[in-house]
């Protein structure tokens, strides 16, 4: 028996034979792998698109016409979203970036940590959000065209056992996790 509210976990445990159902499960797994969240939303949207497509097929509209329409809608949506519903990171203040980081981390990453600790308070979420924002601002680059990039892969997490998560620090530079190789005297 498994008790969870995680959509990806629920879908991975289902035994589905229907091809459309398998596609929805694969879609949720891909979403979980790429983003780590939003699997339930992706499945609901995809299921609704399939339901609407099925209605169009029942109204004798050819499937290739439906697919062409969905592709056109995709192109228009990808043009509309950056123009109307996005804001450049440079236009946001650090407080807004911290709120975005808190929201993003609360669902999966830090949320599990908070659930394990009953004595937690709101400052923990601020602590981790501040580290995340400062790390991304530290790797900010501007290319020759003046485009600002925040390479996520330039930020690494080095795990060190024996301390609590709230003793984490942001190292501006490069950190190595070195262990003692021998018990003998150290060399000069």
N, C-alpha and C. Protein backbone atom coordinates (compact mmCIF):
# COMPACT_ATOMS: atom_id res chain seq x y z
N UNK A 1 0.84 -1.17 0.00
CA UNK A 1 0.00 0.00 0.00
C UNK A 1 0.88 1.24 0.00
N UNK A 2 0.54 2.21 -0.80
CA UNK A 2 1.28 3.46 -0.88
C UNK A 2 0.34 4.61 -0.62
N UNK A 3 0.75 5.53 0.26
CA UNK A 3 -0.04 6.72 0.55
C UNK A 3 0.76 7.92 0.08
N UNK A 4 0.24 8.63 -0.92
CA UNK A 4 0.95 9.80 -1.46
C UNK A 4 -0.04 10.73 -2.14
N UNK A 5 0.36 11.99 -2.27
CA UNK A 5 -0.43 12.93 -3.06
C UNK A 5 0.37 13.37 -4.28
N UNK A 6 1.50 12.71 -4.54
CA UNK A 6 2.35 13.02 -5.68
C UNK A 6 1.80 12.35 -6.93
N UNK A 7 1.41 13.17 -7.91
CA UNK A 7 0.81 12.65 -9.13
C UNK A 7 1.70 11.68 -9.88
N UNK A 8 3.00 11.97 -9.95
CA UNK A 8 3.92 11.08 -10.68
C UNK A 8 4.00 9.72 -10.01
N UNK A 9 4.02 9.69 -8.68
CA UNK A 9 4.07 8.42 -7.96
C UNK A 9 2.80 7.62 -8.19
N UNK A 10 1.67 8.26 -8.12
CA UNK A 10 0.39 7.59 -8.33
C UNK A 10 0.34 6.98 -9.73
N UNK A 11 0.71 7.77 -10.75
CA UNK A 11 0.66 7.27 -12.12
C UNK A 11 1.65 6.16 -12.38
N UNK A 12 2.82 6.23 -11.75
CA UNK A 12 3.81 5.17 -11.97
C UNK A 12 3.36 3.84 -11.37
N UNK A 13 2.48 3.87 -10.39
CA UNK A 13 2.00 2.64 -9.76
C UNK A 13 0.79 2.03 -10.48
N UNK A 14 0.21 2.77 -11.42
CA UNK A 14 -0.96 2.26 -12.14
C UNK A 14 -0.54 1.27 -13.23
N UNK A 15 -1.33 0.24 -13.41
CA UNK A 15 -1.12 -0.72 -14.48
C UNK A 15 -2.12 -0.40 -15.58
N UNK A 16 -1.68 0.30 -16.61
CA UNK A 16 -2.57 0.79 -17.66
C UNK A 16 -2.23 0.11 -18.98
N UNK A 17 -3.24 -0.39 -19.67
CA UNK A 17 -3.05 -1.05 -20.95
C UNK A 17 -3.44 -0.16 -22.13
N UNK A 18 -4.31 0.81 -21.91
CA UNK A 18 -4.80 1.67 -22.99
C UNK A 18 -3.65 2.56 -23.49
N UNK A 19 -3.47 2.64 -24.83
CA UNK A 19 -2.37 3.45 -25.38
C UNK A 19 -2.40 4.92 -24.94
N UNK A 20 -3.58 5.52 -24.91
CA UNK A 20 -3.68 6.93 -24.50
C UNK A 20 -3.30 7.08 -23.02
N UNK A 21 -3.71 6.12 -22.22
CA UNK A 21 -3.35 6.14 -20.81
C UNK A 21 -1.85 6.01 -20.60
N UNK A 22 -1.23 5.14 -21.38
CA UNK A 22 0.23 4.98 -21.29
C UNK A 22 0.95 6.25 -21.71
N UNK A 23 0.41 6.93 -22.72
CA UNK A 23 1.01 8.21 -23.17
C UNK A 23 0.94 9.24 -22.04
N UNK A 24 -0.21 9.29 -21.35
CA UNK A 24 -0.35 10.24 -20.24
C UNK A 24 0.63 9.92 -19.11
N UNK A 25 0.85 8.65 -18.83
CA UNK A 25 1.79 8.25 -17.79
C UNK A 25 3.21 8.64 -18.20
N UNK A 26 3.58 8.38 -19.47
CA UNK A 26 4.91 8.75 -19.94
C UNK A 26 5.10 10.27 -19.92
N UNK A 27 4.04 11.00 -20.24
CA UNK A 27 4.09 12.46 -20.20
C UNK A 27 4.34 12.95 -18.78
N UNK A 28 3.65 12.36 -17.81
CA UNK A 28 3.84 12.73 -16.41
C UNK A 28 5.25 12.40 -15.94
N UNK A 29 5.77 11.24 -16.34
CA UNK A 29 7.12 10.86 -15.95
C UNK A 29 8.15 11.80 -16.55
N UNK A 30 7.95 12.21 -17.79
CA UNK A 30 8.86 13.15 -18.43
C UNK A 30 8.81 14.51 -17.74
N UNK A 31 7.62 14.96 -17.40
CA UNK A 31 7.47 16.24 -16.68
C UNK A 31 8.18 16.17 -15.33
N UNK A 32 8.02 15.06 -14.62
CA UNK A 32 8.66 14.90 -13.32
C UNK A 32 10.18 14.89 -13.47
N UNK A 33 10.67 14.23 -14.52
CA UNK A 33 12.11 14.16 -14.76
C UNK A 33 12.70 15.52 -15.13
N UNK A 34 12.00 16.27 -15.97
CA UNK A 34 12.50 17.55 -16.45
C UNK A 34 12.36 18.67 -15.42
N UNK A 35 11.19 18.75 -14.77
CA UNK A 35 10.88 19.88 -13.90
C UNK A 35 10.82 19.49 -12.43
N UNK A 36 10.36 18.27 -12.15
CA UNK A 36 10.25 17.83 -10.77
C UNK A 36 8.91 18.13 -10.14
N UNK A 37 8.02 18.75 -10.88
CA UNK A 37 6.71 19.11 -10.35
C UNK A 37 5.76 19.36 -11.51
N UNK A 38 4.48 19.48 -11.21
CA UNK A 38 3.49 19.81 -12.23
C UNK A 38 2.94 18.62 -13.00
N UNK A 39 3.19 17.41 -12.51
CA UNK A 39 2.74 16.23 -13.25
C UNK A 39 1.23 16.15 -13.33
N UNK A 40 0.55 16.47 -12.26
CA UNK A 40 -0.91 16.40 -12.27
C UNK A 40 -1.49 17.41 -13.26
N UNK A 41 -0.95 18.62 -13.27
CA UNK A 41 -1.42 19.64 -14.20
C UNK A 41 -1.21 19.22 -15.64
N UNK A 42 -0.05 18.66 -15.94
CA UNK A 42 0.25 18.22 -17.30
C UNK A 42 -0.73 17.13 -17.74
N UNK A 43 -1.01 16.18 -16.87
CA UNK A 43 -1.93 15.10 -17.21
C UNK A 43 -3.34 15.64 -17.42
N UNK A 44 -3.78 16.57 -16.60
CA UNK A 44 -5.13 17.14 -16.75
C UNK A 44 -5.24 17.89 -18.07
N UNK A 45 -4.23 18.70 -18.41
CA UNK A 45 -4.28 19.45 -19.67
C UNK A 45 -4.25 18.49 -20.86
N UNK A 46 -3.35 17.52 -20.82
CA UNK A 46 -3.26 16.55 -21.93
C UNK A 46 -4.55 15.74 -22.07
N UNK A 47 -5.13 15.34 -20.97
CA UNK A 47 -6.39 14.58 -21.02
C UNK A 47 -7.51 15.43 -21.63
N UNK A 48 -7.54 16.70 -21.29
CA UNK A 48 -8.58 17.58 -21.86
C UNK A 48 -8.35 17.78 -23.35
N UNK A 49 -7.10 17.91 -23.77
CA UNK A 49 -6.81 18.02 -25.21
C UNK A 49 -7.24 16.76 -25.95
N UNK A 50 -6.99 15.60 -25.36
CA UNK A 50 -7.43 14.34 -25.97
C UNK A 50 -8.96 14.24 -26.02
N UNK A 51 -9.62 14.67 -24.94
CA UNK A 51 -11.08 14.62 -24.90
C UNK A 51 -11.68 15.51 -25.99
N UNK A 52 -11.12 16.72 -26.13
CA UNK A 52 -11.62 17.65 -27.17
C UNK A 52 -11.33 17.11 -28.57
N UNK A 53 -10.16 16.50 -28.74
CA UNK A 53 -9.83 15.91 -30.04
C UNK A 53 -10.79 14.78 -30.37
N UNK A 54 -11.15 13.98 -29.39
CA UNK A 54 -12.09 12.89 -29.59
C UNK A 54 -13.46 13.43 -30.03
N UNK A 55 -13.91 14.54 -29.43
CA UNK A 55 -15.18 15.16 -29.84
C UNK A 55 -15.11 15.62 -31.29
N UNK A 56 -13.96 16.19 -31.68
CA UNK A 56 -13.80 16.65 -33.07
C UNK A 56 -13.81 15.48 -34.05
N UNK A 57 -13.19 14.36 -33.67
CA UNK A 57 -13.20 13.17 -34.52
C UNK A 57 -14.64 12.65 -34.67
N UNK A 58 -15.41 12.69 -33.58
CA UNK A 58 -16.82 12.26 -33.65
C UNK A 58 -17.63 13.17 -34.57
N UNK A 59 -17.20 14.43 -34.72
CA UNK A 59 -17.87 15.37 -35.63
C UNK A 59 -17.28 15.30 -37.04
N UNK A 60 -16.59 14.21 -37.33
CA UNK A 60 -16.06 13.89 -38.66
C UNK A 60 -14.97 14.86 -39.13
N UNK A 61 -14.18 15.36 -38.20
CA UNK A 61 -13.01 16.15 -38.57
C UNK A 61 -11.82 15.19 -38.58
N UNK A 62 -11.06 15.24 -39.65
CA UNK A 62 -9.96 14.29 -39.83
C UNK A 62 -8.87 14.52 -38.77
N UNK A 63 -8.29 13.44 -38.23
CA UNK A 63 -7.25 13.57 -37.20
C UNK A 63 -6.06 14.44 -37.62
N UNK A 64 -5.67 14.39 -38.91
CA UNK A 64 -4.54 15.23 -39.33
C UNK A 64 -4.90 16.72 -39.25
N UNK A 65 -6.16 17.04 -39.49
CA UNK A 65 -6.61 18.42 -39.36
C UNK A 65 -6.57 18.86 -37.90
N UNK A 66 -6.96 17.97 -37.01
CA UNK A 66 -6.92 18.26 -35.57
C UNK A 66 -5.48 18.48 -35.12
N UNK A 67 -4.58 17.60 -35.57
CA UNK A 67 -3.17 17.72 -35.21
C UNK A 67 -2.60 19.03 -35.75
N UNK A 68 -2.96 19.39 -36.97
CA UNK A 68 -2.49 20.66 -37.55
C UNK A 68 -2.99 21.84 -36.72
N UNK A 69 -4.23 21.75 -36.26
CA UNK A 69 -4.78 22.81 -35.42
C UNK A 69 -4.07 22.91 -34.08
N UNK A 70 -3.76 21.77 -33.49
CA UNK A 70 -3.02 21.78 -32.22
C UNK A 70 -1.62 22.35 -32.40
N UNK A 71 -0.98 22.01 -33.53
CA UNK A 71 0.36 22.55 -33.80
C UNK A 71 0.31 24.07 -34.00
N UNK A 72 -0.71 24.55 -34.69
CA UNK A 72 -0.88 25.99 -34.87
C UNK A 72 -1.11 26.67 -33.51
N UNK A 73 -1.93 26.05 -32.68
CA UNK A 73 -2.19 26.59 -31.34
C UNK A 73 -0.90 26.62 -30.51
N UNK A 74 -0.08 25.59 -30.65
CA UNK A 74 1.20 25.53 -29.95
C UNK A 74 2.10 26.69 -30.37
N UNK A 75 2.21 26.92 -31.68
CA UNK A 75 3.04 28.03 -32.18
C UNK A 75 2.53 29.37 -31.66
N UNK A 76 1.23 29.58 -31.68
CA UNK A 76 0.66 30.84 -31.22
C UNK A 76 0.85 31.02 -29.71
N UNK A 77 0.69 29.93 -28.97
CA UNK A 77 0.87 30.01 -27.51
C UNK A 77 2.31 30.32 -27.16
N UNK A 78 3.27 29.70 -27.87
CA UNK A 78 4.67 29.97 -27.57
C UNK A 78 5.08 31.37 -27.97
N UNK A 79 4.37 32.00 -28.89
CA UNK A 79 4.62 33.41 -29.19
C UNK A 79 3.98 34.31 -28.14
N UNK A 80 2.78 33.95 -27.71
CA UNK A 80 2.02 34.78 -26.78
C UNK A 80 2.63 34.80 -25.37
N UNK A 81 3.04 33.65 -24.88
CA UNK A 81 3.53 33.55 -23.51
C UNK A 81 4.70 34.49 -23.22
N UNK A 82 5.77 34.49 -24.02
CA UNK A 82 6.87 35.41 -23.70
C UNK A 82 6.48 36.89 -23.82
N UNK A 83 5.59 37.20 -24.75
CA UNK A 83 5.19 38.60 -24.94
C UNK A 83 4.30 39.10 -23.81
N UNK A 84 3.33 38.32 -23.42
CA UNK A 84 2.29 38.81 -22.51
C UNK A 84 2.40 38.32 -21.07
N UNK A 85 2.99 37.15 -20.86
CA UNK A 85 2.93 36.58 -19.52
C UNK A 85 4.29 36.36 -18.87
N UNK A 86 5.34 36.97 -19.39
CA UNK A 86 6.64 36.79 -18.77
C UNK A 86 7.27 38.13 -18.44
N UNK A 87 8.15 38.09 -17.47
CA UNK A 87 8.88 39.28 -17.04
C UNK A 87 10.35 38.92 -16.96
N UNK A 88 11.20 39.81 -17.40
CA UNK A 88 12.64 39.56 -17.32
C UNK A 88 13.08 39.54 -15.87
N UNK A 89 14.00 38.65 -15.56
CA UNK A 89 14.50 38.50 -14.20
C UNK A 89 15.09 39.81 -13.70
N UNK A 90 15.75 40.55 -14.59
CA UNK A 90 16.37 41.81 -14.20
C UNK A 90 15.35 42.83 -13.69
N UNK A 91 14.10 42.70 -14.15
CA UNK A 91 13.05 43.64 -13.73
C UNK A 91 12.44 43.30 -12.37
N UNK A 92 12.76 42.12 -11.85
CA UNK A 92 12.24 41.71 -10.56
C UNK A 92 13.26 42.06 -9.47
N UNK A 93 12.79 42.34 -8.31
CA UNK A 93 13.69 42.57 -7.19
C UNK A 93 14.08 41.26 -6.53
N UNK A 94 15.05 41.34 -5.61
CA UNK A 94 15.49 40.13 -4.92
C UNK A 94 14.37 39.50 -4.11
N UNK A 95 13.49 40.33 -3.56
CA UNK A 95 12.39 39.80 -2.75
C UNK A 95 11.44 38.95 -3.60
N UNK A 96 11.14 39.41 -4.81
CA UNK A 96 10.28 38.63 -5.71
C UNK A 96 10.97 37.32 -6.11
N UNK A 97 12.27 37.38 -6.36
CA UNK A 97 13.02 36.18 -6.70
C UNK A 97 13.02 35.19 -5.54
N UNK A 98 13.16 35.71 -4.31
CA UNK A 98 13.11 34.84 -3.14
C UNK A 98 11.74 34.17 -3.02
N UNK A 99 10.68 34.91 -3.29
CA UNK A 99 9.33 34.34 -3.22
C UNK A 99 9.14 33.24 -4.27
N UNK A 100 9.69 33.46 -5.47
CA UNK A 100 9.62 32.44 -6.51
C UNK A 100 10.38 31.19 -6.07
N UNK A 101 11.57 31.39 -5.50
CA UNK A 101 12.37 30.25 -5.03
C UNK A 101 11.65 29.50 -3.91
N UNK A 102 11.04 30.23 -2.97
CA UNK A 102 10.31 29.58 -1.88
C UNK A 102 9.16 28.75 -2.41
N UNK A 103 8.42 29.31 -3.34
CA UNK A 103 7.29 28.59 -3.92
C UNK A 103 7.75 27.35 -4.65
N UNK A 104 8.81 27.49 -5.43
CA UNK A 104 9.33 26.37 -6.20
C UNK A 104 9.85 25.25 -5.31
N UNK A 105 10.58 25.60 -4.28
CA UNK A 105 11.18 24.58 -3.42
C UNK A 105 10.20 23.97 -2.43
N UNK A 106 9.14 24.67 -2.11
CA UNK A 106 8.24 24.18 -1.06
C UNK A 106 7.48 22.93 -1.46
N UNK A 107 7.25 22.72 -2.76
CA UNK A 107 6.44 21.58 -3.17
C UNK A 107 7.18 20.26 -3.08
N UNK A 108 8.45 20.24 -3.36
CA UNK A 108 9.17 18.96 -3.39
C UNK A 108 10.41 18.97 -2.50
N UNK A 109 11.34 19.84 -2.77
CA UNK A 109 12.67 19.75 -2.17
C UNK A 109 12.64 20.07 -0.69
N UNK A 110 12.41 21.31 -0.35
CA UNK A 110 12.47 21.74 1.04
C UNK A 110 11.20 21.34 1.78
N UNK A 111 10.11 21.18 1.06
CA UNK A 111 8.85 20.79 1.70
C UNK A 111 8.97 19.50 2.48
N UNK A 112 9.69 18.53 1.92
CA UNK A 112 9.89 17.25 2.63
C UNK A 112 10.74 17.46 3.87
N UNK A 113 11.74 18.33 3.77
CA UNK A 113 12.60 18.62 4.91
C UNK A 113 11.77 19.25 6.04
N UNK A 114 10.90 20.21 5.67
CA UNK A 114 10.07 20.88 6.68
C UNK A 114 9.11 19.91 7.34
N UNK A 115 8.58 18.95 6.56
CA UNK A 115 7.65 17.99 7.13
C UNK A 115 8.33 17.08 8.14
N UNK A 116 9.62 16.80 7.94
CA UNK A 116 10.35 15.95 8.87
C UNK A 116 10.67 16.69 10.17
N UNK A 117 10.82 17.99 10.09
CA UNK A 117 11.14 18.78 11.28
C UNK A 117 9.87 19.46 11.78
N UNK A 118 9.48 19.15 12.97
CA UNK A 118 8.27 19.75 13.54
C UNK A 118 8.56 21.12 14.15
N UNK A 119 9.84 21.39 14.48
CA UNK A 119 10.19 22.65 15.12
C UNK A 119 10.57 23.74 14.12
N UNK A 120 10.26 23.49 12.85
CA UNK A 120 10.68 24.43 11.81
C UNK A 120 9.89 25.74 11.88
N UNK A 121 10.49 26.76 11.33
CA UNK A 121 9.79 28.04 11.25
C UNK A 121 10.00 28.63 9.87
N UNK A 122 9.40 29.76 9.65
CA UNK A 122 9.40 30.38 8.33
C UNK A 122 10.80 30.81 7.90
N UNK A 123 11.71 31.04 8.85
CA UNK A 123 13.04 31.51 8.49
C UNK A 123 13.82 30.48 7.69
N UNK A 124 13.49 29.17 7.85
CA UNK A 124 14.14 28.15 7.05
C UNK A 124 13.87 28.35 5.57
N UNK A 125 12.63 28.64 5.22
CA UNK A 125 12.30 28.84 3.81
C UNK A 125 13.01 30.08 3.27
N UNK A 126 13.11 31.12 4.06
CA UNK A 126 13.85 32.31 3.65
C UNK A 126 15.33 31.98 3.47
N UNK A 127 15.86 31.18 4.37
CA UNK A 127 17.27 30.81 4.34
C UNK A 127 17.63 30.11 3.03
N UNK A 128 16.87 29.07 2.67
CA UNK A 128 17.17 28.30 1.46
C UNK A 128 16.86 29.12 0.20
N UNK A 129 15.83 29.92 0.23
CA UNK A 129 15.50 30.75 -0.93
C UNK A 129 16.60 31.78 -1.17
N UNK A 130 17.12 32.36 -0.10
CA UNK A 130 18.20 33.34 -0.24
C UNK A 130 19.44 32.69 -0.85
N UNK A 131 19.77 31.49 -0.39
CA UNK A 131 20.93 30.78 -0.95
C UNK A 131 20.72 30.52 -2.44
N UNK A 132 19.54 30.06 -2.81
CA UNK A 132 19.26 29.75 -4.22
C UNK A 132 19.36 31.00 -5.09
N UNK A 133 18.77 32.10 -4.64
CA UNK A 133 18.79 33.34 -5.41
C UNK A 133 20.21 33.87 -5.53
N UNK A 134 20.95 33.90 -4.44
CA UNK A 134 22.33 34.39 -4.47
C UNK A 134 23.20 33.53 -5.38
N UNK A 135 22.99 32.22 -5.37
CA UNK A 135 23.77 31.32 -6.23
C UNK A 135 23.51 31.62 -7.70
N UNK A 136 22.25 31.81 -8.06
CA UNK A 136 21.94 32.08 -9.46
C UNK A 136 22.42 33.45 -9.90
N UNK A 137 22.34 34.44 -9.03
CA UNK A 137 22.85 35.76 -9.38
C UNK A 137 24.36 35.75 -9.53
N UNK A 138 25.03 34.86 -8.81
CA UNK A 138 26.49 34.77 -8.87
C UNK A 138 26.97 34.20 -10.21
N UNK A 139 26.15 33.39 -10.88
CA UNK A 139 26.57 32.79 -12.15
C UNK A 139 25.98 33.52 -13.36
N UNK A 140 25.37 34.65 -13.13
CA UNK A 140 24.77 35.44 -14.21
C UNK A 140 25.83 35.81 -15.24
N UNK A 141 25.51 35.60 -16.52
CA UNK A 141 26.42 35.96 -17.60
C UNK A 141 25.67 36.78 -18.64
N UNK A 142 26.43 37.61 -19.34
CA UNK A 142 25.86 38.40 -20.44
C UNK A 142 26.70 38.10 -21.67
N UNK A 143 26.05 37.64 -22.75
CA UNK A 143 26.80 37.30 -23.96
C UNK A 143 27.02 38.54 -24.84
N UNK A 144 27.64 38.35 -26.01
CA UNK A 144 27.98 39.46 -26.92
C UNK A 144 26.76 40.22 -27.41
N UNK A 145 25.61 39.53 -27.48
CA UNK A 145 24.38 40.16 -27.96
C UNK A 145 23.66 40.92 -26.85
N UNK A 146 24.21 40.88 -25.64
CA UNK A 146 23.57 41.55 -24.51
C UNK A 146 22.51 40.72 -23.82
N UNK A 147 22.41 39.44 -24.19
CA UNK A 147 21.42 38.56 -23.57
C UNK A 147 21.94 38.07 -22.22
N UNK A 148 21.07 38.15 -21.24
CA UNK A 148 21.44 37.71 -19.89
C UNK A 148 21.06 36.24 -19.74
N UNK A 149 21.98 35.45 -19.24
CA UNK A 149 21.75 34.02 -19.02
C UNK A 149 22.10 33.67 -17.58
N UNK A 150 21.38 32.70 -17.05
CA UNK A 150 21.63 32.18 -15.71
C UNK A 150 21.85 30.67 -15.83
N UNK A 151 23.08 30.23 -16.10
CA UNK A 151 23.33 28.80 -16.33
C UNK A 151 23.19 27.98 -15.05
N UNK A 152 22.11 27.26 -14.94
CA UNK A 152 21.81 26.47 -13.74
C UNK A 152 22.91 25.43 -13.51
N UNK A 153 23.47 24.88 -14.58
CA UNK A 153 24.50 23.86 -14.43
C UNK A 153 25.79 24.41 -13.84
N UNK A 154 25.92 25.73 -13.77
CA UNK A 154 27.12 26.33 -13.16
C UNK A 154 27.04 26.31 -11.64
N UNK A 155 25.88 25.97 -11.09
CA UNK A 155 25.71 25.88 -9.64
C UNK A 155 25.70 24.41 -9.25
N UNK A 156 26.55 24.06 -8.30
CA UNK A 156 26.64 22.67 -7.85
C UNK A 156 26.32 22.60 -6.37
N UNK A 157 25.78 21.46 -5.97
CA UNK A 157 25.48 21.23 -4.56
C UNK A 157 26.44 20.18 -4.06
N UNK A 158 27.17 20.53 -3.04
CA UNK A 158 28.13 19.63 -2.43
C UNK A 158 27.56 19.18 -1.10
N UNK A 159 27.29 17.89 -0.99
CA UNK A 159 26.68 17.36 0.23
C UNK A 159 27.76 16.97 1.22
N UNK A 160 27.58 17.37 2.46
CA UNK A 160 28.52 17.05 3.51
C UNK A 160 27.72 16.49 4.68
N UNK A 161 28.04 15.30 5.10
CA UNK A 161 27.29 14.64 6.15
C UNK A 161 27.73 15.12 7.53
N UNK A 162 26.81 15.08 8.46
CA UNK A 162 27.14 15.37 9.84
C UNK A 162 26.61 16.67 10.38
N UNK A 163 26.07 17.51 9.54
CA UNK A 163 25.51 18.77 10.01
C UNK A 163 24.07 18.88 9.54
N UNK A 164 23.37 19.86 10.09
CA UNK A 164 21.97 20.04 9.68
C UNK A 164 21.90 20.83 8.39
N UNK A 165 20.78 20.76 7.73
CA UNK A 165 20.60 21.45 6.46
C UNK A 165 20.69 22.96 6.63
N UNK A 166 20.29 23.47 7.78
CA UNK A 166 20.32 24.92 8.00
C UNK A 166 21.73 25.45 8.26
N UNK A 167 22.72 24.57 8.32
CA UNK A 167 24.11 24.99 8.42
C UNK A 167 24.75 25.08 7.03
N UNK A 168 23.94 25.00 6.00
CA UNK A 168 24.43 25.11 4.63
C UNK A 168 24.99 26.50 4.38
N UNK A 169 25.98 26.57 3.50
CA UNK A 169 26.58 27.85 3.15
C UNK A 169 26.72 27.94 1.64
N UNK A 170 26.72 29.16 1.14
CA UNK A 170 26.96 29.42 -0.26
C UNK A 170 28.43 29.79 -0.41
N UNK A 171 29.13 29.03 -1.24
CA UNK A 171 30.54 29.29 -1.48
C UNK A 171 30.66 29.98 -2.83
N UNK A 172 31.11 31.22 -2.84
CA UNK A 172 31.33 31.93 -4.10
C UNK A 172 32.69 31.52 -4.62
N UNK A 173 32.71 30.56 -5.50
CA UNK A 173 33.95 30.02 -6.02
C UNK A 173 33.79 28.54 -6.21
N UNK A 174 34.84 27.81 -5.91
CA UNK A 174 34.82 26.37 -6.12
C UNK A 174 35.15 25.67 -4.81
N UNK A 175 34.37 24.68 -4.45
CA UNK A 175 34.58 23.95 -3.21
C UNK A 175 34.86 22.49 -3.52
N UNK A 176 35.77 21.91 -2.76
CA UNK A 176 36.10 20.50 -2.90
C UNK A 176 35.75 19.79 -1.61
N UNK A 177 35.22 18.61 -1.73
CA UNK A 177 34.91 17.79 -0.57
C UNK A 177 36.06 16.81 -0.40
N UNK A 178 37.02 17.17 0.43
CA UNK A 178 38.21 16.36 0.60
C UNK A 178 38.11 15.56 1.89
N UNK A 179 38.59 14.33 1.83
CA UNK A 179 38.63 13.50 3.03
C UNK A 179 40.08 13.13 3.30
N UNK A 180 40.38 12.78 4.52
CA UNK A 180 41.74 12.39 4.89
C UNK A 180 42.02 11.04 4.27
N UNK A 181 43.13 10.95 3.55
CA UNK A 181 43.47 9.71 2.86
C UNK A 181 44.21 8.73 3.77
N UNK A 182 44.95 9.24 4.77
CA UNK A 182 45.67 8.34 5.66
C UNK A 182 45.74 8.96 7.06
N UNK A 183 46.09 8.15 8.02
CA UNK A 183 46.19 8.60 9.40
C UNK A 183 47.60 9.10 9.73
N UNK A 184 48.53 8.96 8.80
CA UNK A 184 49.93 9.30 9.04
C UNK A 184 50.15 10.80 9.16
N UNK A 185 51.39 11.20 9.46
CA UNK A 185 51.70 12.62 9.61
C UNK A 185 51.54 13.34 8.27
N UNK A 186 51.14 14.60 8.34
CA UNK A 186 50.95 15.37 7.13
C UNK A 186 52.29 15.84 6.59
N UNK A 187 52.36 16.00 5.30
CA UNK A 187 53.59 16.46 4.64
C UNK A 187 53.66 17.97 4.70
N UNK A 188 54.90 18.52 4.75
CA UNK A 188 55.03 19.99 4.81
C UNK A 188 54.59 20.65 3.54
